[in-house]
Amino acid sequence: MITIFVLFGSFAVLMLLSRTGIFFLHRSKRELAAFAMSIFLIFFGISHFFLYDKMILMIPQFIPYPGFIIYLTGVIEIILAIGLISPRTRRLSGILIALYFITVFPANVWKR
């Protein structure tokens, strides 16, 4: 539930700030969505470091170095989020995010 709140909540706040002229004036919905996804990825990328004990439960026991994988995926999420901010790297970052989400999907449904 928190994932939906962070993603759509940040998009709603960015839309409000943009439409009222406070911040991000003259930005398209697509750009604001990219910024919202950046917020989402940074939020959950950082959570890999603060919620390590919960994240480790998502890794199947047969996968080696689960702690390293937790930290690595957190760093990857933050790097991909930074890539979404710049228009020059947004498309590549979007493609890599799609591949990343496909790759980590099994861990998100895995139950120990």
PDB file of N, CA and C in Angstrom:
ATOM      1  N   MET A   1       0.813  -1.189   0.000  1.00  0.00           N
ATOM      2  CA  MET A   1       0.000   0.000   0.000  1.00  0.00           C
ATOM      3  C   MET A   1       0.863   1.262   0.000  1.00  0.00           C
ATOM      4  N   ILE A   2       1.983   1.210   0.705  1.00  0.00           N
ATOM      5  CA  ILE A   2       2.861   2.378   0.756  1.00  0.00           C
ATOM      6  C   ILE A   2       3.412   2.697  -0.627  1.00  0.00           C
ATOM      7  N   THR A   3       3.614   1.676  -1.455  1.00  0.00           N
ATOM      8  CA  THR A   3       4.150   1.920  -2.795  1.00  0.00           C
ATOM      9  C   THR A   3       3.196   2.781  -3.616  1.00  0.00           C
ATOM     10  N   ILE A   4       1.927   2.483  -3.549  1.00  0.00           N
ATOM     11  CA  ILE A   4       0.934   3.264  -4.295  1.00  0.00           C
ATOM     12  C   ILE A   4       0.880   4.690  -3.757  1.00  0.00           C
ATOM     13  N   PHE A   5       0.926   4.827  -2.443  1.00  0.00           N
ATOM     14  CA  PHE A   5       0.872   6.153  -1.832  1.00  0.00           C
ATOM     15  C   PHE A   5       2.068   7.005  -2.250  1.00  0.00           C
ATOM     16  N   VAL A   6       3.257   6.426  -2.224  1.00  0.00           N
ATOM     17  CA  VAL A   6       4.461   7.184  -2.582  1.00  0.00           C
ATOM     18  C   VAL A   6       4.419   7.590  -4.055  1.00  0.00           C
ATOM     19  N   LEU A   7       4.086   6.660  -4.933  1.00  0.00           N
ATOM     20  CA  LEU A   7       4.094   6.957  -6.360  1.00  0.00           C
ATOM     21  C   LEU A   7       3.002   7.959  -6.740  1.00  0.00           C
ATOM     22  N   PHE A   8       1.755   7.635  -6.428  1.00  0.00           N
ATOM     23  CA  PHE A   8       0.653   8.508  -6.830  1.00  0.00           C
ATOM     24  C   PHE A   8       0.580   9.768  -5.966  1.00  0.00           C
ATOM     25  N   GLY A   9       0.971   9.663  -4.719  1.00  0.00           N
ATOM     26  CA  GLY A   9       0.987  10.837  -3.848  1.00  0.00           C
ATOM     27  C   GLY A   9       1.998  11.863  -4.321  1.00  0.00           C
ATOM     28  N   SER A  10       3.196  11.407  -4.690  1.00  0.00           N
ATOM     29  CA  SER A  10       4.207  12.343  -5.183  1.00  0.00           C
ATOM     30  C   SER A  10       3.775  12.950  -6.518  1.00  0.00           C
ATOM     31  N   PHE A  11       3.133  12.154  -7.364  1.00  0.00           N
ATOM     32  CA  PHE A  11       2.643  12.693  -8.636  1.00  0.00           C
ATOM     33  C   PHE A  11       1.571  13.755  -8.390  1.00  0.00           C
ATOM     34  N   ALA A  12       0.660  13.480  -7.460  1.00  0.00           N
ATOM     35  CA  ALA A  12      -0.405  14.440  -7.148  1.00  0.00           C
ATOM     36  C   ALA A  12       0.178  15.744  -6.594  1.00  0.00           C
ATOM     37  N   VAL A  13       1.158  15.635  -5.718  1.00  0.00           N
ATOM     38  CA  VAL A  13       1.788  16.835  -5.156  1.00  0.00           C
ATOM     39  C   VAL A  13       2.512  17.619  -6.251  1.00  0.00           C
ATOM     40  N   LEU A  14       3.221  16.929  -7.123  1.00  0.00           N
ATOM     41  CA  LEU A  14       3.922  17.603  -8.215  1.00  0.00           C
ATOM     42  C   LEU A  14       2.939  18.274  -9.171  1.00  0.00           C
ATOM     43  N   MET A  15       1.819  17.608  -9.444  1.00  0.00           N
ATOM     44  CA  MET A  15       0.787  18.222 -10.297  1.00  0.00           C
ATOM     45  C   MET A  15       0.235  19.484  -9.640  1.00  0.00           C
ATOM     46  N   LEU A  16      -0.046  19.407  -8.362  1.00  0.00           N
ATOM     47  CA  LEU A  16      -0.582  20.558  -7.635  1.00  0.00           C
ATOM     48  C   LEU A  16       0.405  21.721  -7.650  1.00  0.00           C
ATOM     49  N   LEU A  17       1.664  21.431  -7.384  1.00  0.00           N
ATOM     50  CA  LEU A  17       2.685  22.473  -7.398  1.00  0.00           C
ATOM     51  C   LEU A  17       2.846  23.077  -8.791  1.00  0.00           C
ATOM     52  N   SER A  18       2.750  22.244  -9.804  1.00  0.00           N
ATOM     53  CA  SER A  18       2.898  22.715 -11.172  1.00  0.00           C
ATOM     54  C   SER A  18       1.712  23.569 -11.606  1.00  0.00           C
ATOM     55  N   ARG A  19       0.520  23.096 -11.333  1.00  0.00           N
ATOM     56  CA  ARG A  19      -0.683  23.795 -11.789  1.00  0.00           C
ATOM     57  C   ARG A  19      -0.948  25.093 -11.034  1.00  0.00           C
ATOM     58  N   THR A  20      -0.457  25.177  -9.807  1.00  0.00           N
ATOM     59  CA  THR A  20      -0.620  26.422  -9.045  1.00  0.00           C
ATOM     60  C   THR A  20       0.519  27.398  -9.309  1.00  0.00           C
ATOM     61  N   GLY A  21       1.534  26.953 -10.037  1.00  0.00           N
ATOM     62  CA  GLY A  21       2.639  27.828 -10.392  1.00  0.00           C
ATOM     63  C   GLY A  21       3.690  27.979  -9.316  1.00  0.00           C
ATOM     64  N   ILE A  22       3.604  27.161  -8.276  1.00  0.00           N
ATOM     65  CA  ILE A  22       4.571  27.244  -7.181  1.00  0.00           C
ATOM     66  C   ILE A  22       5.927  26.676  -7.605  1.00  0.00           C
ATOM     67  N   PHE A  23       5.888  25.564  -8.312  1.00  0.00           N
ATOM     68  CA  PHE A  23       7.105  24.853  -8.678  1.00  0.00           C
ATOM     69  C   PHE A  23       6.810  24.028  -9.925  1.00  0.00           C
ATOM     70  N   PHE A  24       7.806  23.762 -10.734  1.00  0.00           N
ATOM     71  CA  PHE A  24       7.642  22.967 -11.958  1.00  0.00           C
ATOM     72  C   PHE A  24       6.604  23.567 -12.908  1.00  0.00           C
ATOM     73  N   LEU A  25       6.596  24.869 -13.023  1.00  0.00           N
ATOM     74  CA  LEU A  25       5.673  25.542 -13.924  1.00  0.00           C
ATOM     75  C   LEU A  25       5.981  25.151 -15.370  1.00  0.00           C
ATOM     76  N   HIS A  26       4.968  24.929 -16.163  1.00  0.00           N
ATOM     77  CA  HIS A  26       5.064  24.576 -17.583  1.00  0.00           C
ATOM     78  C   HIS A  26       5.735  23.223 -17.813  1.00  0.00           C
ATOM     79  N   ARG A  27       5.558  22.321 -16.906  1.00  0.00           N
ATOM     80  CA  ARG A  27       6.059  20.961 -17.104  1.00  0.00           C
ATOM     81  C   ARG A  27       4.906  20.079 -17.549  1.00  0.00           C
ATOM     82  N   SER A  28       5.182  19.154 -18.439  1.00  0.00           N
ATOM     83  CA  SER A  28       4.136  18.250 -18.916  1.00  0.00           C
ATOM     84  C   SER A  28       3.846  17.178 -17.863  1.00  0.00           C
ATOM     85  N   LYS A  29       2.713  16.518 -18.032  1.00  0.00           N
ATOM     86  CA  LYS A  29       2.366  15.417 -17.130  1.00  0.00           C
ATOM     87  C   LYS A  29       3.389  14.301 -17.236  1.00  0.00           C
ATOM     88  N   ARG A  30       3.924  14.120 -18.414  1.00  0.00           N
ATOM     89  CA  ARG A  30       4.934  13.078 -18.619  1.00  0.00           C
ATOM     90  C   ARG A  30       6.195  13.380 -17.812  1.00  0.00           C
ATOM     91  N   GLU A  31       6.632  14.634 -17.830  1.00  0.00           N
ATOM     92  CA  GLU A  31       7.808  15.020 -17.038  1.00  0.00           C
ATOM     93  C   GLU A  31       7.534  14.878 -15.553  1.00  0.00           C
ATOM     94  N   LEU A  32       6.351  15.301 -15.126  1.00  0.00           N
ATOM     95  CA  LEU A  32       6.003  15.186 -13.711  1.00  0.00           C
ATOM     96  C   LEU A  32       5.925  13.716 -13.290  1.00  0.00           C
ATOM     97  N   ALA A  33       5.440  12.866 -14.186  1.00  0.00           N
ATOM     98  CA  ALA A  33       5.393  11.428 -13.889  1.00  0.00           C
ATOM     99  C   ALA A  33       6.805  10.860 -13.752  1.00  0.00           C
ATOM    100  N   ALA A  34       7.729  11.334 -14.585  1.00  0.00           N
ATOM    101  CA  ALA A  34       9.122  10.886 -14.475  1.00  0.00           C
ATOM    102  C   ALA A  34       9.716  11.327 -13.142  1.00  0.00           C
ATOM    103  N   PHE A  35       9.413  12.559 -12.727  1.00  0.00           N
ATOM    104  CA  PHE A  35       9.898  13.034 -11.432  1.00  0.00           C
ATOM    105  C   PHE A  35       9.272  12.226 -10.284  1.00  0.00           C
ATOM    106  N   ALA A  36       7.981  11.905 -10.409  1.00  0.00           N
ATOM    107  CA  ALA A  36       7.309  11.104  -9.377  1.00  0.00           C
ATOM    108  C   ALA A  36       7.940   9.715  -9.287  1.00  0.00           C
ATOM    109  N   MET A  37       8.259   9.127 -10.439  1.00  0.00           N
ATOM    110  CA  MET A  37       8.911   7.818 -10.432  1.00  0.00           C
ATOM    111  C   MET A  37      10.301   7.923  -9.818  1.00  0.00           C
ATOM    112  N   SER A  38      10.978   9.049 -10.029  1.00  0.00           N
ATOM    113  CA  SER A  38      12.287   9.264  -9.398  1.00  0.00           C
ATOM    114  C   SER A  38      12.154   9.306  -7.881  1.00  0.00           C
ATOM    115  N   ILE A  39      11.151  10.027  -7.402  1.00  0.00           N
ATOM    116  CA  ILE A  39      10.900  10.088  -5.954  1.00  0.00           C
ATOM    117  C   ILE A  39      10.630   8.686  -5.417  1.00  0.00           C
ATOM    118  N   PHE A  40       9.800   7.944  -6.127  1.00  0.00           N
ATOM    119  CA  PHE A  40       9.447   6.572  -5.765  1.00  0.00           C
ATOM    120  C   PHE A  40      10.703   5.702  -5.651  1.00  0.00           C
ATOM    121  N   LEU A  41      11.545   5.742  -6.678  1.00  0.00           N
ATOM    122  CA  LEU A  41      12.739   4.900  -6.687  1.00  0.00           C
ATOM    123  C   LEU A  41      13.755   5.324  -5.637  1.00  0.00           C
ATOM    124  N   ILE A  42      13.911   6.616  -5.428  1.00  0.00           N
ATOM    125  CA  ILE A  42      14.837   7.082  -4.392  1.00  0.00           C
ATOM    126  C   ILE A  42      14.334   6.663  -3.012  1.00  0.00           C
ATOM    127  N   PHE A  43      13.034   6.840  -2.777  1.00  0.00           N
ATOM    128  CA  PHE A  43      12.433   6.452  -1.493  1.00  0.00           C
ATOM    129  C   PHE A  43      12.681   4.970  -1.207  1.00  0.00           C
ATOM    130  N   PHE A  44      12.383   4.121  -2.189  1.00  0.00           N
ATOM    131  CA  PHE A  44      12.546   2.688  -1.949  1.00  0.00           C
ATOM    132  C   PHE A  44      13.991   2.229  -2.077  1.00  0.00           C
ATOM    133  N   GLY A  45      14.808   2.958  -2.834  1.00  0.00           N
ATOM    134  CA  GLY A  45      16.236   2.642  -2.879  1.00  0.00           C
ATOM    135  C   GLY A  45      16.884   2.881  -1.525  1.00  0.00           C
ATOM    136  N   ILE A  46      16.538   4.001  -0.898  1.00  0.00           N
ATOM    137  CA  ILE A  46      17.058   4.297   0.445  1.00  0.00           C
ATOM    138  C   ILE A  46      16.526   3.293   1.466  1.00  0.00           C
ATOM    139  N   SER A  47      15.302   2.832   1.262  1.00  0.00           N
ATOM    140  CA  SER A  47      14.721   1.881   2.216  1.00  0.00           C
ATOM    141  C   SER A  47      15.496   0.564   2.257  1.00  0.00           C
ATOM    142  N   HIS A  48      16.241   0.249   1.191  1.00  0.00           N
ATOM    143  CA  HIS A  48      17.062  -0.964   1.209  1.00  0.00           C
ATOM    144  C   HIS A  48      18.122  -0.901   2.309  1.00  0.00           C
ATOM    145  N   PHE A  49      18.509   0.298   2.679  1.00  0.00           N
ATOM    146  CA  PHE A  49      19.534   0.465   3.707  1.00  0.00           C
ATOM    147  C   PHE A  49      18.940   0.553   5.114  1.00  0.00           C
ATOM    148  N   PHE A  50      17.721   1.067   5.219  1.00  0.00           N
ATOM    149  CA  PHE A  50      17.100   1.236   6.533  1.00  0.00           C
ATOM    150  C   PHE A  50      16.190   0.075   6.925  1.00  0.00           C
ATOM    151  N   LEU A  51      15.682  -0.654   5.956  1.00  0.00           N
ATOM    152  CA  LEU A  51      14.797  -1.795   6.226  1.00  0.00           C
ATOM    153  C   LEU A  51      15.457  -3.104   5.796  1.00  0.00           C
ATOM    154  N   TYR A  52      16.746  -3.169   6.005  1.00  0.00           N
ATOM    155  CA  TYR A  52      17.532  -4.329   5.588  1.00  0.00           C
ATOM    156  C   TYR A  52      16.948  -5.632   6.127  1.00  0.00           C
ATOM    157  N   ASP A  53      16.561  -5.650   7.402  1.00  0.00           N
ATOM    158  CA  ASP A  53      16.052  -6.879   8.020  1.00  0.00           C
ATOM    159  C   ASP A  53      14.783  -7.388   7.343  1.00  0.00           C
ATOM    160  N   LYS A  54      13.958  -6.493   6.862  1.00  0.00           N
ATOM    161  CA  LYS A  54      12.746  -6.903   6.146  1.00  0.00           C
ATOM    162  C   LYS A  54      13.055  -7.270   4.704  1.00  0.00           C
ATOM    163  N   MET A  55      13.981  -6.564   4.105  1.00  0.00           N
ATOM    164  CA  MET A  55      14.328  -6.826   2.701  1.00  0.00           C
ATOM    165  C   MET A  55      15.007  -8.184   2.541  1.00  0.00           C
ATOM    166  N   ILE A  56      15.803  -8.564   3.518  1.00  0.00           N
ATOM    167  CA  ILE A  56      16.535  -9.828   3.422  1.00  0.00           C
ATOM    168  C   ILE A  56      15.577 -11.015   3.345  1.00  0.00           C
ATOM    169  N   LEU A  57      14.376 -10.861   3.901  1.00  0.00           N
ATOM    170  CA  LEU A  57      13.389 -11.938   3.858  1.00  0.00           C
ATOM    171  C   LEU A  57      12.823 -12.148   2.457  1.00  0.00           C
ATOM    172  N   MET A  58      13.030 -11.191   1.566  1.00  0.00           N
ATOM    173  CA  MET A  58      12.517 -11.297   0.202  1.00  0.00           C
ATOM    174  C   MET A  58      13.435 -12.129  -0.694  1.00  0.00           C
ATOM    175  N   ILE A  59      14.655 -12.360  -0.248  1.00  0.00           N
ATOM    176  CA  ILE A  59      15.632 -13.088  -1.062  1.00  0.00           C
ATOM    177  C   ILE A  59      15.539 -14.579  -0.750  1.00  0.00           C
ATOM    178  N   PRO A  60      15.319 -15.410  -1.770  1.00  0.00           N
ATOM    179  CA  PRO A  60      15.297 -16.861  -1.532  1.00  0.00           C
ATOM    180  C   PRO A  60      16.621 -17.346  -0.957  1.00  0.00           C
ATOM    181  N   GLN A  61      16.568 -18.374  -0.141  1.00  0.00           N
ATOM    182  CA  GLN A  61      17.759 -18.856   0.553  1.00  0.00           C
ATOM    183  C   GLN A  61      18.815 -19.431  -0.383  1.00  0.00           C
ATOM    184  N   PHE A  62      18.421 -19.876  -1.566  1.00  0.00           N
ATOM    185  CA  PHE A  62      19.396 -20.463  -2.489  1.00  0.00           C
ATOM    186  C   PHE A  62      20.216 -19.412  -3.250  1.00  0.00           C
ATOM    187  N   ILE A  63      19.895 -18.153  -3.104  1.00  0.00           N
ATOM    188  CA  ILE A  63      20.628 -17.071  -3.776  1.00  0.00           C
ATOM    189  C   ILE A  63      21.810 -16.675  -2.891  1.00  0.00           C
ATOM    190  N   PRO A  64      23.027 -16.694  -3.440  1.00  0.00           N
ATOM    191  CA  PRO A  64      24.196 -16.333  -2.626  1.00  0.00           C
ATOM    192  C   PRO A  64      24.285 -14.824  -2.374  1.00  0.00           C
ATOM    193  N   TYR A  65      24.911 -14.466  -1.275  1.00  0.00           N
ATOM    194  CA  TYR A  65      25.174 -13.074  -0.892  1.00  0.00           C
ATOM    195  C   TYR A  65      23.914 -12.202  -0.860  1.00  0.00           C
ATOM    196  N   PRO A  66      22.917 -12.606  -0.104  1.00  0.00           N
ATOM    197  CA  PRO A  66      21.660 -11.834  -0.089  1.00  0.00           C
ATOM    198  C   PRO A  66      21.843 -10.412   0.442  1.00  0.00           C
ATOM    199  N   GLY A  67      22.730 -10.222   1.403  1.00  0.00           N
ATOM    200  CA  GLY A  67      22.963  -8.877   1.930  1.00  0.00           C
ATOM    201  C   GLY A  67      23.535  -7.947   0.877  1.00  0.00           C
ATOM    202  N   PHE A  68      24.491  -8.452   0.120  1.00  0.00           N
ATOM    203  CA  PHE A  68      25.076  -7.658  -0.958  1.00  0.00           C
ATOM    204  C   PHE A  68      24.015  -7.310  -1.998  1.00  0.00           C
ATOM    205  N   ILE A  69      23.137  -8.245  -2.302  1.00  0.00           N
ATOM    206  CA  ILE A  69      22.084  -8.013  -3.292  1.00  0.00           C
ATOM    207  C   ILE A  69      21.133  -6.920  -2.814  1.00  0.00           C
ATOM    208  N   ILE A  70      20.815  -6.906  -1.531  1.00  0.00           N
ATOM    209  CA  ILE A  70      19.934  -5.869  -0.986  1.00  0.00           C
ATOM    210  C   ILE A  70      20.557  -4.495  -1.190  1.00  0.00           C
ATOM    211  N   TYR A  71      21.813  -4.343  -0.805  1.00  0.00           N
ATOM    212  CA  TYR A  71      22.482  -3.053  -0.952  1.00  0.00           C
ATOM    213  C   TYR A  71      22.655  -2.673  -2.425  1.00  0.00           C
ATOM    214  N   LEU A  72      23.030  -3.644  -3.251  1.00  0.00           N
ATOM    215  CA  LEU A  72      23.229  -3.385  -4.669  1.00  0.00           C
ATOM    216  C   LEU A  72      21.941  -2.909  -5.340  1.00  0.00           C
ATOM    217  N   THR A  73      20.825  -3.578  -5.056  1.00  0.00           N
ATOM    218  CA  THR A  73      19.568  -3.169  -5.678  1.00  0.00           C
ATOM    219  C   THR A  73      19.122  -1.793  -5.182  1.00  0.00           C
ATOM    220  N   GLY A  74      19.445  -1.462  -3.946  1.00  0.00           N
ATOM    221  CA  GLY A  74      19.149  -0.115  -3.458  1.00  0.00           C
ATOM    222  C   GLY A  74      19.927   0.940  -4.218  1.00  0.00           C
ATOM    223  N   VAL A  75      21.200   0.687  -4.446  1.00  0.00           N
ATOM    224  CA  VAL A  75      22.037   1.618  -5.203  1.00  0.00           C
ATOM    225  C   VAL A  75      21.553   1.711  -6.653  1.00  0.00           C
ATOM    226  N   ILE A  76      21.198   0.581  -7.240  1.00  0.00           N
ATOM    227  CA  ILE A  76      20.690   0.580  -8.614  1.00  0.00           C
ATOM    228  C   ILE A  76      19.423   1.419  -8.724  1.00  0.00           C
ATOM    229  N   GLU A  77      18.522   1.289  -7.771  1.00  0.00           N
ATOM    230  CA  GLU A  77      17.284   2.071  -7.812  1.00  0.00           C
ATOM    231  C   GLU A  77      17.572   3.570  -7.735  1.00  0.00           C
ATOM    232  N   ILE A  78      18.511   3.959  -6.908  1.00  0.00           N
ATOM    233  CA  ILE A  78      18.851   5.376  -6.784  1.00  0.00           C
ATOM    234  C   ILE A  78      19.504   5.887  -8.065  1.00  0.00           C
ATOM    235  N   ILE A  79      20.388   5.118  -8.656  1.00  0.00           N
ATOM    236  CA  ILE A  79      21.036   5.523  -9.909  1.00  0.00           C
ATOM    237  C   ILE A  79      20.010   5.654 -11.034  1.00  0.00           C
ATOM    238  N   LEU A  80      19.101   4.700 -11.136  1.00  0.00           N
ATOM    239  CA  LEU A  80      18.070   4.769 -12.173  1.00  0.00           C
ATOM    240  C   LEU A  80      17.145   5.963 -11.952  1.00  0.00           C
ATOM    241  N   ALA A  81      16.876   6.285 -10.701  1.00  0.00           N
ATOM    242  CA  ALA A  81      16.040   7.453 -10.390  1.00  0.00           C
ATOM    243  C   ALA A  81      16.712   8.735 -10.858  1.00  0.00           C
ATOM    244  N   ILE A  82      18.006   8.831 -10.641  1.00  0.00           N
ATOM    245  CA  ILE A  82      18.750  10.009 -11.090  1.00  0.00           C
ATOM    246  C   ILE A  82      18.704  10.103 -12.618  1.00  0.00           C
ATOM    247  N   GLY A  83      18.750   8.956 -13.285  1.00  0.00           N
ATOM    248  CA  GLY A  83      18.667   8.942 -14.744  1.00  0.00           C
ATOM    249  C   GLY A  83      17.340   9.453 -15.272  1.00  0.00           C
ATOM    250  N   LEU A  84      16.272   9.304 -14.515  1.00  0.00           N
ATOM    251  CA  LEU A  84      14.962   9.792 -14.945  1.00  0.00           C
ATOM    252  C   LEU A  84      14.842  11.311 -14.880  1.00  0.00           C
ATOM    253  N   ILE A  85      15.658  11.938 -14.095  1.00  0.00           N
ATOM    254  CA  ILE A  85      15.545  13.384 -13.904  1.00  0.00           C
ATOM    255  C   ILE A  85      15.984  14.150 -15.153  1.00  0.00           C
ATOM    256  N   SER A  86      17.039  13.703 -15.778  1.00  0.00           N
ATOM    257  CA  SER A  86      17.569  14.393 -16.954  1.00  0.00           C
ATOM    258  C   SER A  86      16.861  13.924 -18.226  1.00  0.00           C
ATOM    259  N   PRO A  87      16.403  14.856 -19.061  1.00  0.00           N
ATOM    260  CA  PRO A  87      15.764  14.459 -20.322  1.00  0.00           C
ATOM    261  C   PRO A  87      16.701  13.659 -21.243  1.00  0.00           C
ATOM    262  N   ARG A  88      17.992  13.900 -21.162  1.00  0.00           N
ATOM    263  CA  ARG A  88      18.955  13.191 -22.016  1.00  0.00           C
ATOM    264  C   ARG A  88      19.056  11.708 -21.675  1.00  0.00           C
ATOM    265  N   THR A  89      18.871  11.359 -20.420  1.00  0.00           N
ATOM    266  CA  THR A  89      19.027   9.959 -20.000  1.00  0.00           C
ATOM    267  C   THR A  89      17.696   9.302 -19.636  1.00  0.00           C
ATOM    268  N   ARG A  90      16.602  10.025 -19.762  1.00  0.00           N
ATOM    269  CA  ARG A  90      15.294   9.536 -19.311  1.00  0.00           C
ATOM    270  C   ARG A  90      14.852   8.277 -20.046  1.00  0.00           C
ATOM    271  N   ARG A  91      15.011   8.254 -21.365  1.00  0.00           N
ATOM    272  CA  ARG A  91      14.555   7.090 -22.138  1.00  0.00           C
ATOM    273  C   ARG A  91      15.353   5.836 -21.774  1.00  0.00           C
ATOM    274  N   LEU A  92      16.661   5.951 -21.750  1.00  0.00           N
ATOM    275  CA  LEU A  92      17.505   4.803 -21.389  1.00  0.00           C
ATOM    276  C   LEU A  92      17.201   4.346 -19.973  1.00  0.00           C
ATOM    277  N   SER A  93      17.067   5.284 -19.069  1.00  0.00           N
ATOM    278  CA  SER A  93      16.755   4.942 -17.687  1.00  0.00           C
ATOM    279  C   SER A  93      15.401   4.237 -17.596  1.00  0.00           C
ATOM    280  N   GLY A  94      14.416   4.716 -18.364  1.00  0.00           N
ATOM    281  CA  GLY A  94      13.102   4.081 -18.371  1.00  0.00           C
ATOM    282  C   GLY A  94      13.157   2.646 -18.846  1.00  0.00           C
ATOM    283  N   ILE A  95      13.932   2.394 -19.880  1.00  0.00           N
ATOM    284  CA  ILE A  95      14.097   1.027 -20.395  1.00  0.00           C
ATOM    285  C   ILE A  95      14.772   0.148 -19.345  1.00  0.00           C
ATOM    286  N   LEU A  96      15.821   0.681 -18.731  1.00  0.00           N
ATOM    287  CA  LEU A  96      16.535  -0.087 -17.705  1.00  0.00           C
ATOM    288  C   LEU A  96      15.656  -0.335 -16.477  1.00  0.00           C
ATOM    289  N   ILE A  97      14.803   0.621 -16.133  1.00  0.00           N
ATOM    290  CA  ILE A  97      13.879   0.430 -15.006  1.00  0.00           C
ATOM    291  C   ILE A  97      12.895  -0.687 -15.313  1.00  0.00           C
ATOM    292  N   ALA A  98      12.386  -0.720 -16.529  1.00  0.00           N
ATOM    293  CA  ALA A  98      11.465  -1.788 -16.910  1.00  0.00           C
ATOM    294  C   ALA A  98      12.144  -3.153 -16.786  1.00  0.00           C
ATOM    295  N   LEU A  99      13.370  -3.256 -17.280  1.00  0.00           N
ATOM    296  CA  LEU A  99      14.118  -4.515 -17.166  1.00  0.00           C
ATOM    297  C   LEU A  99      14.412  -4.854 -15.707  1.00  0.00           C
ATOM    298  N   TYR A 100      14.758  -3.846 -14.929  1.00  0.00           N
ATOM    299  CA  TYR A 100      15.030  -4.042 -13.508  1.00  0.00           C
ATOM    300  C   TYR A 100      13.792  -4.561 -12.778  1.00  0.00           C
ATOM    301  N   PHE A 101      12.637  -3.945 -13.039  1.00  0.00           N
ATOM    302  CA  PHE A 101      11.403  -4.389 -12.380  1.00  0.00           C
ATOM    303  C   PHE A 101      11.055  -5.824 -12.753  1.00  0.00           C
ATOM    304  N   ILE A 102      11.289  -6.204 -13.994  1.00  0.00           N
ATOM    305  CA  ILE A 102      11.049  -7.594 -14.413  1.00  0.00           C
ATOM    306  C   ILE A 102      11.991  -8.528 -13.653  1.00  0.00           C
ATOM    307  N   THR A 103      13.233  -8.098 -13.484  1.00  0.00           N
ATOM    308  CA  THR A 103      14.238  -8.918 -12.805  1.00  0.00           C
ATOM    309  C   THR A 103      13.928  -9.110 -11.324  1.00  0.00           C
ATOM    310  N   VAL A 104      13.493  -8.065 -10.646  1.00  0.00           N
ATOM    311  CA  VAL A 104      13.266  -8.168  -9.202  1.00  0.00           C
ATOM    312  C   VAL A 104      11.843  -8.605  -8.846  1.00  0.00           C
ATOM    313  N   PHE A 105      10.981  -8.731  -9.833  1.00  0.00           N
ATOM    314  CA  PHE A 105       9.603  -9.125  -9.546  1.00  0.00           C
ATOM    315  C   PHE A 105       9.499 -10.423  -8.735  1.00  0.00           C
ATOM    316  N   PRO A 106      10.239 -11.479  -9.085  1.00  0.00           N
ATOM    317  CA  PRO A 106      10.119 -12.710  -8.289  1.00  0.00           C
ATOM    318  C   PRO A 106      10.421 -12.504  -6.797  1.00  0.00           C
ATOM    319  N   ALA A 107      11.373 -11.638  -6.487  1.00  0.00           N
ATOM    320  CA  ALA A 107      11.702 -11.386  -5.071  1.00  0.00           C
ATOM    321  C   ALA A 107      10.559 -10.671  -4.367  1.00  0.00           C
ATOM    322  N   ASN A 108       9.795  -9.884  -5.104  1.00  0.00           N
ATOM    323  CA  ASN A 108       8.694  -9.152  -4.500  1.00  0.00           C
ATOM    324  C   ASN A 108       7.468 -10.023  -4.217  1.00  0.00           C
ATOM    325  N   VAL A 109       7.423 -11.198  -4.815  1.00  0.00           N
ATOM    326  CA  VAL A 109       6.316 -12.112  -4.521  1.00  0.00           C
ATOM    327  C   VAL A 109       6.772 -13.327  -3.723  1.00  0.00           C
ATOM    328  N   TRP A 110       8.085 -13.457  -3.528  1.00  0.00           N
ATOM    329  CA  TRP A 110       8.645 -14.577  -2.771  1.00  0.00           C
ATOM    330  C   TRP A 110       8.287 -14.448  -1.298  1.00  0.00           C
ATOM    331  N   LYS A 111       7.861 -15.529  -0.718  1.00  0.00           N
ATOM    332  CA  LYS A 111       7.550 -15.561   0.726  1.00  0.00           C
ATOM    333  C   LYS A 111       8.410 -16.641   1.365  1.00  0.00           C
ATOM    334  N   ARG A 112       9.124 -16.262   2.396  1.00  0.00           N
ATOM    335  CA  ARG A 112       9.920 -17.250   3.142  1.00  0.00           C
ATOM    336  C   ARG A 112       9.076 -17.963   4.139  1.00  0.00           C
TER     337      ARG A 112
END
